[in-house]
Amino acid sequence: DDYTTMEFVVKVLQTIFYKNKEQAHSIMMLVHETGVGLCGIYSYEIAETKVTKTINLAEQYEYPLKCTMEPS
């Protein structure tokens, strides 16, 4: 989307998905350029929790950031 800042996406990747700065920046750029990025492969329960935390944090900051989980 054109509203969620790159800095916010990096923050989410670092705090919720535990990516280091370089990994977070790389994923953020992939999302920026292609519209989609893989944050990790998790069990269903963990993935569901991370998606919920991401959506809640985005809503708190009033960003329309999307986060989904897909079966592998």
Protein backbone atom coordinates (compact mmCIF):
# COMPACT_ATOMS: atom_id res chain seq x y z
CA ASP A 1 0.00 0.00 0.00
CA ASP A 2 1.03 3.63 -0.36
CA TYR A 3 0.40 4.54 3.30
CA THR A 4 2.28 2.13 5.54
CA THR A 5 5.81 3.43 6.03
CA MET A 6 8.82 1.31 5.26
CA GLU A 7 10.09 1.98 8.77
CA PHE A 8 6.90 0.55 10.26
CA VAL A 9 7.17 -2.62 8.16
CA VAL A 10 10.79 -3.08 9.28
CA LYS A 11 9.70 -2.55 12.90
CA VAL A 12 7.00 -5.23 12.55
CA LEU A 13 9.45 -7.67 10.97
CA GLN A 14 11.95 -7.11 13.77
CA THR A 15 9.56 -7.14 16.73
CA ILE A 16 6.97 -9.74 15.70
CA PHE A 17 8.92 -11.96 13.31
CA TYR A 18 12.33 -11.53 15.05
CA LYS A 19 14.22 -10.64 11.89
CA ASN A 20 17.51 -8.78 12.17
CA LYS A 21 17.81 -5.35 10.56
CA GLU A 22 19.21 -6.66 7.28
CA GLN A 23 16.62 -9.44 6.94
CA ALA A 24 13.79 -7.05 7.80
CA HIS A 25 14.98 -4.49 5.25
CA SER A 26 15.31 -7.18 2.58
CA ILE A 27 11.78 -8.50 3.17
CA MET A 28 10.37 -4.97 3.30
CA MET A 29 11.98 -4.15 -0.07
CA LEU A 30 10.59 -7.35 -1.58
CA VAL A 31 7.12 -6.39 -0.36
CA HIS A 32 7.62 -2.84 -1.68
CA GLU A 33 8.70 -4.06 -5.11
CA THR A 34 6.44 -7.08 -5.62
CA GLY A 35 3.60 -6.58 -3.15
CA VAL A 36 4.33 -9.76 -1.23
CA GLY A 37 7.02 -11.24 1.00
CA LEU A 38 7.63 -14.33 3.10
CA CYS A 39 8.21 -13.60 6.79
CA GLY A 40 8.70 -17.19 7.87
CA ILE A 41 7.33 -20.71 8.06
CA TYR A 42 5.57 -21.48 11.33
CA SER A 43 3.10 -23.90 12.84
CA TYR A 44 -0.53 -22.89 12.31
CA GLU A 45 -0.94 -21.56 15.86
CA ILE A 46 2.22 -19.47 15.81
CA ALA A 47 1.47 -18.09 12.34
CA GLU A 48 -2.06 -17.18 13.44
CA THR A 49 -0.69 -15.33 16.48
CA LYS A 50 1.88 -13.42 14.42
CA VAL A 51 -0.75 -12.41 11.84
CA THR A 52 -3.10 -11.20 14.59
CA LYS A 53 -0.32 -9.23 16.33
CA THR A 54 0.70 -7.63 13.02
CA ILE A 55 -2.85 -6.62 12.11
CA ASN A 56 -3.52 -5.26 15.60
CA LEU A 57 -0.32 -3.20 15.58
CA ALA A 58 -1.09 -1.83 12.10
CA GLU A 59 -4.59 -0.87 13.21
CA GLN A 60 -3.20 0.81 16.32
CA TYR A 61 -1.03 3.02 14.09
CA GLU A 62 -3.84 3.36 11.52
CA TYR A 63 -1.93 1.67 8.72
CA PRO A 64 -3.72 -0.53 6.15
CA LEU A 65 -0.92 -3.13 6.27
CA LYS A 66 -2.07 -6.60 5.26
CA CYS A 67 -0.68 -9.80 6.71
CA THR A 68 -1.89 -13.28 5.80
CA MET A 69 -0.85 -16.85 6.30
CA GLU A 70 -0.91 -19.57 3.69
CA PRO A 71 -0.39 -23.31 3.92
CA SER A 72 3.05 -24.48 2.84
